[in-house]
Structures are given as structure tokens and as C-alpha cells.
């Protein structure tokens, strides 16, 4: 095919395979870059219902060559940009995730305000005395759309 014809071919749309927390929020969070901001996280106190099995499932992973922890509430990775001390990999991953959830920065938590149909704690079981959301859910209305007459 000549070079002249290549410019007229439709381009393939960009495909996002792995989504990270920065992509969803449009920014990095300080605790991704500074280990001192997660050192005070009490993992046992933050574990929902003292479910140690939940905590043990959280391990340090790698996403696009960077250390990362997976946030299953928003189906995204939280990349870690500071050096992780040897032997503390999973502990650091768990503390970064807990800090992310307690800060309300998980995209899944951000969506609760609009989409939660049943009353529940906004920041989940990771924060005591968090406000309740989902107490007055209304279905979204698409402007200009009317339901069909039956």
C-alpha cells in the first residue's frame, strides 16, 4: 500500500487495558509518593469486622512496571512511587490501600453518592462514624427521554 493511502485508513481507537486510580481521578495522591503518610495506618483497627483474611488477600502487585496495590472497589490499581523497604512489601501495599479507602479517594466510593440504592456508610467499614449515603436514591433521568407508553 502506498504511503498516500495509509493516511485515509480509520485509526484504531485507544484501548485501556489496566486502569489506575490516577486515571480515574485525574491526579496522584500524596500517600502514593511519601511513605511517612501511611506509617500511622493501623491495619488491624481498619480491617472490616476484624476479618484478617480480607487483609491477607491484599498484596503488593505490579502495574505497568510500578509497584501497586489493587483497589477492588473501583477495579483499579494504586501505584506506589516511593521506595518500599525490603520485607515490608505487603504491609506497605495494605497501608496504601487503607489510606486510599479511608480518604474517600477510591472511585467506587466517589460513585456511592449518586448510585447507592440502599443506606450504607459512605466510607465503608474503614472509617467509624462516616455519614450514610443511599437514603434517598432516585433513578437517574435522561433529559429528553420519555418512557414508552405501555
Protein backbone atom coordinates (compact mmCIF):
# COMPACT_ATOMS: atom_id res chain seq x y z
CA UNK A 1 0.00 0.00 0.00
CA UNK A 2 1.36 3.41 -0.88
CA UNK A 3 2.07 5.97 1.82
CA UNK A 4 -0.60 8.19 0.32
CA UNK A 5 -3.37 5.65 1.06
CA UNK A 6 -2.26 4.91 4.64
CA UNK A 7 -3.42 8.33 5.84
CA UNK A 8 -7.02 7.61 4.85
CA UNK A 9 -7.41 4.40 6.87
CA UNK A 10 -9.53 4.73 10.02
CA UNK A 11 -7.43 4.67 13.16
CA UNK A 12 -7.98 2.06 15.80
CA UNK A 13 -9.50 3.62 18.98
CA UNK A 14 -7.31 3.67 22.09
CA UNK A 15 -7.95 0.68 24.33
CA UNK A 16 -7.33 0.99 28.05
CA UNK A 17 -6.42 -2.41 29.47
CA UNK A 18 -5.45 -1.62 33.06
CA UNK A 19 -6.98 1.37 34.81
CA UNK A 20 -5.21 3.00 37.68
CA UNK A 21 -6.52 5.31 40.38
CA UNK A 22 -4.74 8.29 38.82
CA UNK A 23 -6.56 7.76 35.52
CA UNK A 24 -9.95 7.67 37.29
CA UNK A 25 -9.31 10.69 39.50
CA UNK A 26 -7.08 12.68 37.17
CA UNK A 27 -4.42 13.13 39.87
CA UNK A 28 -1.94 11.43 42.17
CA UNK A 29 -2.43 11.27 45.91
CA UNK A 30 0.30 12.31 48.40
CA UNK A 31 0.36 8.87 50.09
CA UNK A 32 1.43 7.33 46.76
CA UNK A 33 4.66 9.33 46.94
CA UNK A 34 5.54 9.57 50.66
CA UNK A 35 5.81 6.51 52.93
CA UNK A 36 5.60 8.73 56.05
CA UNK A 37 1.94 9.45 55.21
CA UNK A 38 0.94 5.80 55.64
CA UNK A 39 3.09 4.81 58.63
CA UNK A 40 0.33 5.68 61.14
CA UNK A 41 -2.28 3.42 59.47
CA UNK A 42 -3.39 0.78 61.98
CA UNK A 43 -4.14 -2.22 59.77
CA UNK A 44 -5.91 -4.26 62.45
CA UNK A 45 -8.10 -1.35 63.54
CA UNK A 46 -9.00 -0.63 59.91
CA UNK A 47 -9.80 -4.25 58.99
CA UNK A 48 -13.57 -4.63 58.43
CA UNK A 49 -15.09 -6.75 61.20
CA UNK A 50 -11.55 -7.80 62.22
CA UNK A 51 -11.56 -10.03 59.11
CA UNK A 52 -7.85 -10.79 58.90
CA UNK A 53 -8.48 -12.96 55.81
CA UNK A 54 -9.60 -9.82 53.96
CA UNK A 55 -6.35 -8.13 54.88
CA UNK A 56 -4.20 -11.12 53.91
CA UNK A 57 -5.69 -11.05 50.40
CA UNK A 58 -4.11 -7.61 49.83
CA UNK A 59 -0.60 -7.99 48.43
CA UNK A 60 1.91 -5.85 46.60
CA UNK A 61 1.48 -6.24 42.85
CA UNK A 62 3.00 -4.59 39.82
CA UNK A 63 1.19 -2.44 37.25
CA UNK A 64 3.00 -1.10 34.19
CA UNK A 65 6.36 -1.76 35.85
CA UNK A 66 5.49 0.10 39.06
CA UNK A 67 4.70 -1.38 42.48
CA UNK A 68 0.94 -1.16 43.02
CA UNK A 69 -1.95 -2.36 45.14
CA UNK A 70 -5.35 -3.30 43.68
CA UNK A 71 -8.48 -1.44 44.82
CA UNK A 72 -11.29 -3.86 44.06
CA UNK A 73 -13.91 -1.23 44.94
CA UNK A 74 -13.02 0.75 41.84
CA UNK A 75 -11.35 -2.08 39.89
CA UNK A 76 -8.15 -0.05 39.61
CA UNK A 77 -4.52 -0.07 40.69
CA UNK A 78 -2.96 2.42 43.09
CA UNK A 79 0.66 2.81 42.01
CA UNK A 80 3.32 3.38 44.68
CA UNK A 81 6.12 5.80 43.82
CA UNK A 82 8.33 5.66 46.92
CA UNK A 83 10.99 3.03 47.70
CA UNK A 84 9.44 0.14 49.63
CA UNK A 85 11.62 -1.25 52.43
CA UNK A 86 12.54 -4.90 51.85
CA UNK A 87 10.33 -7.29 53.78
CA UNK A 88 7.51 -4.75 54.14
CA UNK A 89 6.03 -5.09 50.63
CA UNK A 90 2.58 -6.41 51.56
CA UNK A 91 2.33 -4.25 54.70
CA UNK A 92 3.03 -1.11 52.66
CA UNK A 93 0.55 -2.17 49.95
CA UNK A 94 -2.14 -2.74 52.61
CA UNK A 95 -1.47 0.62 54.27
CA UNK A 96 -1.64 2.48 50.94
CA UNK A 97 -4.97 0.79 50.13
CA UNK A 98 -6.44 1.52 53.57
CA UNK A 99 -5.29 5.16 53.36
CA UNK A 100 -6.91 5.39 49.89
CA UNK A 101 -10.20 3.96 51.16
CA UNK A 102 -10.25 5.99 54.39
CA UNK A 103 -9.54 9.17 52.42
CA UNK A 104 -12.60 8.57 50.24
CA UNK A 105 -10.42 8.66 47.12
CA UNK A 106 -11.49 5.29 45.76
CA UNK A 107 -13.58 5.89 42.64
CA UNK A 108 -16.04 3.26 43.84
CA UNK A 109 -16.63 5.33 46.98
CA UNK A 110 -16.97 8.53 44.96
CA UNK A 111 -19.78 6.93 42.95
CA UNK A 112 -21.78 5.94 46.03
CA UNK A 113 -23.32 9.39 46.49
CA UNK A 114 -25.24 9.12 43.21
CA UNK A 115 -25.70 5.39 42.66
CA UNK A 116 -26.19 3.73 46.07
CA UNK A 117 -29.75 2.46 46.30
CA UNK A 118 -29.65 1.28 49.92
CA UNK A 119 -28.41 3.10 53.03
CA UNK A 120 -24.76 2.36 53.84
CA UNK A 121 -21.71 4.09 55.31
CA UNK A 122 -20.13 6.35 52.68
CA UNK A 123 -16.55 5.38 53.52
CA UNK A 124 -17.48 1.79 54.27
CA UNK A 125 -16.25 -0.18 57.25
CA UNK A 126 -12.82 1.52 57.20
CA UNK A 127 -13.98 4.72 58.91
CA UNK A 128 -16.05 4.95 62.07
CA UNK A 129 -18.91 7.46 62.16
CA UNK A 130 -18.84 8.17 58.42
CA UNK A 131 -22.03 9.69 57.01
CA UNK A 132 -24.68 7.45 55.43
CA UNK A 133 -25.47 7.57 51.73
CA UNK A 134 -28.19 5.87 49.71
CA UNK A 135 -31.01 7.07 51.92
CA UNK A 136 -32.88 8.90 49.13
CA UNK A 137 -31.87 7.22 45.87
CA UNK A 138 -33.81 8.26 42.77
CA UNK A 139 -33.33 6.69 39.35
CA UNK A 140 -31.32 8.90 37.00
CA UNK A 141 -33.36 10.71 34.38
CA UNK A 142 -32.03 11.08 30.87
CA UNK A 143 -33.01 14.54 29.68
CA UNK A 144 -35.39 14.42 26.69
CA UNK A 145 -36.21 10.73 27.12
CA UNK A 146 -39.70 9.59 27.92
CA UNK A 147 -40.56 6.03 28.90
CA UNK A 148 -42.60 4.25 26.20
CA UNK A 149 -46.36 4.12 26.75
CA UNK A 150 -47.43 0.55 27.51
